[in-house]
Amino acid sequence: MYGWIWRHLPGNAWVRAVISLILALAVVYALFEYVFPWAEPLLPFNDVTVDDAQGARG
């Protein structure tokens, strides 16, 4: 997959490297701005139950 992307980018190796870096940063940005906030409520990380071992103090 990466080879296919590399072959289809324009320019020499330096231009391709810069374009690849920009594409990678765009993917990371899209994940943090759109995908992770959408998926966060679906994940069980906040379903934590902790019992008070010494009982409720009132």
N, C-alpha and C. Protein backbone atom coordinates (compact mmCIF):
# COMPACT_ATOMS: atom_id res chain seq x y z
N MET A 1 0.83 -1.19 0.00
CA MET A 1 0.00 0.00 0.00
C MET A 1 0.87 1.25 0.00
N TYR A 2 1.89 1.28 0.85
CA TYR A 2 2.73 2.48 0.92
C TYR A 2 3.52 2.67 -0.36
N GLY A 3 3.93 1.57 -0.96
CA GLY A 3 4.63 1.66 -2.24
C GLY A 3 3.74 2.23 -3.32
N TRP A 4 2.49 1.84 -3.33
CA TRP A 4 1.55 2.36 -4.31
C TRP A 4 1.37 3.86 -4.13
N ILE A 5 1.22 4.30 -2.89
CA ILE A 5 1.08 5.73 -2.61
C ILE A 5 2.34 6.46 -3.05
N TRP A 6 3.52 5.92 -2.69
CA TRP A 6 4.79 6.57 -3.02
C TRP A 6 4.95 6.71 -4.54
N ARG A 7 4.59 5.68 -5.29
CA ARG A 7 4.74 5.73 -6.74
C ARG A 7 3.79 6.73 -7.38
N HIS A 8 2.66 7.02 -6.76
CA HIS A 8 1.68 7.92 -7.36
C HIS A 8 1.82 9.37 -6.91
N LEU A 9 2.73 9.64 -6.00
CA LEU A 9 2.97 11.03 -5.60
C LEU A 9 3.87 11.71 -6.63
N PRO A 10 3.61 13.00 -6.88
CA PRO A 10 4.44 13.71 -7.86
C PRO A 10 5.76 14.18 -7.26
N GLY A 11 6.74 14.48 -8.12
CA GLY A 11 7.98 15.08 -7.69
C GLY A 11 9.07 14.08 -7.37
N ASN A 12 10.21 14.65 -6.92
CA ASN A 12 11.34 13.81 -6.56
C ASN A 12 11.16 13.28 -5.13
N ALA A 13 12.20 12.65 -4.59
CA ALA A 13 12.08 12.00 -3.29
C ALA A 13 11.78 13.01 -2.18
N TRP A 14 12.40 14.19 -2.22
CA TRP A 14 12.15 15.18 -1.16
C TRP A 14 10.72 15.70 -1.21
N VAL A 15 10.21 15.96 -2.38
CA VAL A 15 8.82 16.42 -2.51
C VAL A 15 7.86 15.33 -2.06
N ARG A 16 8.14 14.10 -2.43
CA ARG A 16 7.30 12.98 -2.01
C ARG A 16 7.33 12.81 -0.49
N ALA A 17 8.51 13.01 0.10
CA ALA A 17 8.61 12.88 1.56
C ALA A 17 7.79 13.96 2.25
N VAL A 18 7.84 15.19 1.75
CA VAL A 18 7.06 16.28 2.36
C VAL A 18 5.57 16.02 2.19
N ILE A 19 5.16 15.59 1.00
CA ILE A 19 3.75 15.29 0.77
C ILE A 19 3.30 14.13 1.65
N SER A 20 4.15 13.13 1.82
CA SER A 20 3.81 12.00 2.69
C SER A 20 3.64 12.46 4.13
N LEU A 21 4.52 13.34 4.59
CA LEU A 21 4.40 13.88 5.95
C LEU A 21 3.10 14.66 6.12
N ILE A 22 2.76 15.47 5.14
CA ILE A 22 1.51 16.24 5.20
C ILE A 22 0.31 15.30 5.21
N LEU A 23 0.35 14.25 4.39
CA LEU A 23 -0.75 13.29 4.38
C LEU A 23 -0.88 12.56 5.72
N ALA A 24 0.24 12.19 6.31
CA ALA A 24 0.21 11.51 7.61
C ALA A 24 -0.36 12.44 8.68
N LEU A 25 0.05 13.70 8.67
CA LEU A 25 -0.48 14.66 9.64
C LEU A 25 -1.97 14.90 9.44
N ALA A 26 -2.41 14.90 8.19
CA ALA A 26 -3.84 15.06 7.91
C ALA A 26 -4.65 13.87 8.44
N VAL A 27 -4.10 12.67 8.32
CA VAL A 27 -4.78 11.48 8.84
C VAL A 27 -4.87 11.54 10.36
N VAL A 28 -3.77 11.92 11.02
CA VAL A 28 -3.77 12.04 12.48
C VAL A 28 -4.76 13.10 12.93
N TYR A 29 -4.80 14.23 12.24
CA TYR A 29 -5.75 15.29 12.57
C TYR A 29 -7.19 14.79 12.44
N ALA A 30 -7.48 14.11 11.34
CA ALA A 30 -8.84 13.60 11.14
C ALA A 30 -9.22 12.59 12.21
N LEU A 31 -8.28 11.74 12.62
CA LEU A 31 -8.57 10.78 13.68
C LEU A 31 -8.90 11.47 14.99
N PHE A 32 -8.07 12.45 15.39
CA PHE A 32 -8.29 13.11 16.67
C PHE A 32 -9.50 14.04 16.67
N GLU A 33 -9.83 14.64 15.54
CA GLU A 33 -10.94 15.59 15.49
C GLU A 33 -12.30 14.95 15.24
N TYR A 34 -12.31 13.84 14.50
CA TYR A 34 -13.59 13.28 14.08
C TYR A 34 -13.81 11.83 14.52
N VAL A 35 -12.84 10.97 14.30
CA VAL A 35 -13.06 9.54 14.55
C VAL A 35 -13.05 9.23 16.04
N PHE A 36 -12.03 9.67 16.76
CA PHE A 36 -11.95 9.35 18.19
C PHE A 36 -13.10 9.96 19.00
N PRO A 37 -13.49 11.23 18.79
CA PRO A 37 -14.66 11.73 19.54
C PRO A 37 -15.95 10.97 19.21
N TRP A 38 -16.08 10.52 17.98
CA TRP A 38 -17.27 9.76 17.62
C TRP A 38 -17.27 8.40 18.31
N ALA A 39 -16.11 7.75 18.39
CA ALA A 39 -16.02 6.39 18.92
C ALA A 39 -15.94 6.36 20.44
N GLU A 40 -15.58 7.45 21.08
CA GLU A 40 -15.36 7.45 22.53
C GLU A 40 -16.57 7.00 23.33
N PRO A 41 -17.79 7.45 23.03
CA PRO A 41 -18.93 6.94 23.81
C PRO A 41 -19.20 5.46 23.61
N LEU A 42 -18.71 4.89 22.54
CA LEU A 42 -18.95 3.48 22.26
C LEU A 42 -17.96 2.56 22.97
N LEU A 43 -16.89 3.11 23.51
CA LEU A 43 -15.85 2.32 24.16
C LEU A 43 -16.14 2.17 25.65
N PRO A 44 -15.75 1.06 26.25
CA PRO A 44 -16.11 0.78 27.65
C PRO A 44 -15.14 1.34 28.68
N PHE A 45 -14.31 2.32 28.33
CA PHE A 45 -13.29 2.80 29.25
C PHE A 45 -13.87 3.52 30.47
N ASN A 46 -15.04 4.12 30.35
CA ASN A 46 -15.63 4.86 31.46
C ASN A 46 -16.62 4.04 32.27
N ASP A 47 -16.79 2.78 31.95
CA ASP A 47 -17.70 1.91 32.69
C ASP A 47 -16.94 1.25 33.84
N VAL A 48 -16.61 2.04 34.83
CA VAL A 48 -15.80 1.56 35.94
C VAL A 48 -16.67 1.50 37.19
N THR A 49 -16.63 0.38 37.88
CA THR A 49 -17.36 0.23 39.13
C THR A 49 -16.34 -0.04 40.23
N VAL A 50 -16.34 0.83 41.22
CA VAL A 50 -15.43 0.67 42.34
C VAL A 50 -16.28 0.59 43.60
N ASP A 51 -16.14 -0.51 44.33
CA ASP A 51 -16.88 -0.66 45.58
C ASP A 51 -16.05 -0.09 46.71
N ASP A 52 -16.76 0.59 47.61
CA ASP A 52 -16.10 1.13 48.79
C ASP A 52 -15.94 -0.01 49.79
N ALA A 53 -14.72 -0.46 50.02
CA ALA A 53 -14.45 -1.63 50.85
C ALA A 53 -14.80 -1.38 52.33
N GLN A 54 -14.78 -0.14 52.77
CA GLN A 54 -15.05 0.16 54.18
C GLN A 54 -16.48 0.66 54.39
N GLY A 55 -17.27 0.64 53.37
CA GLY A 55 -18.66 1.05 53.55
C GLY A 55 -18.81 2.56 53.35
N ALA A 56 -20.05 2.97 53.20
CA ALA A 56 -20.34 4.38 52.98
C ALA A 56 -20.24 5.14 54.28
N ARG A 57 -19.56 6.24 54.23
CA ARG A 57 -19.46 7.09 55.42
C ARG A 57 -20.25 8.35 55.18
N GLY A 58 -21.13 8.59 56.05
CA GLY A 58 -22.05 9.60 55.78
C GLY A 58 -22.04 10.90 56.31
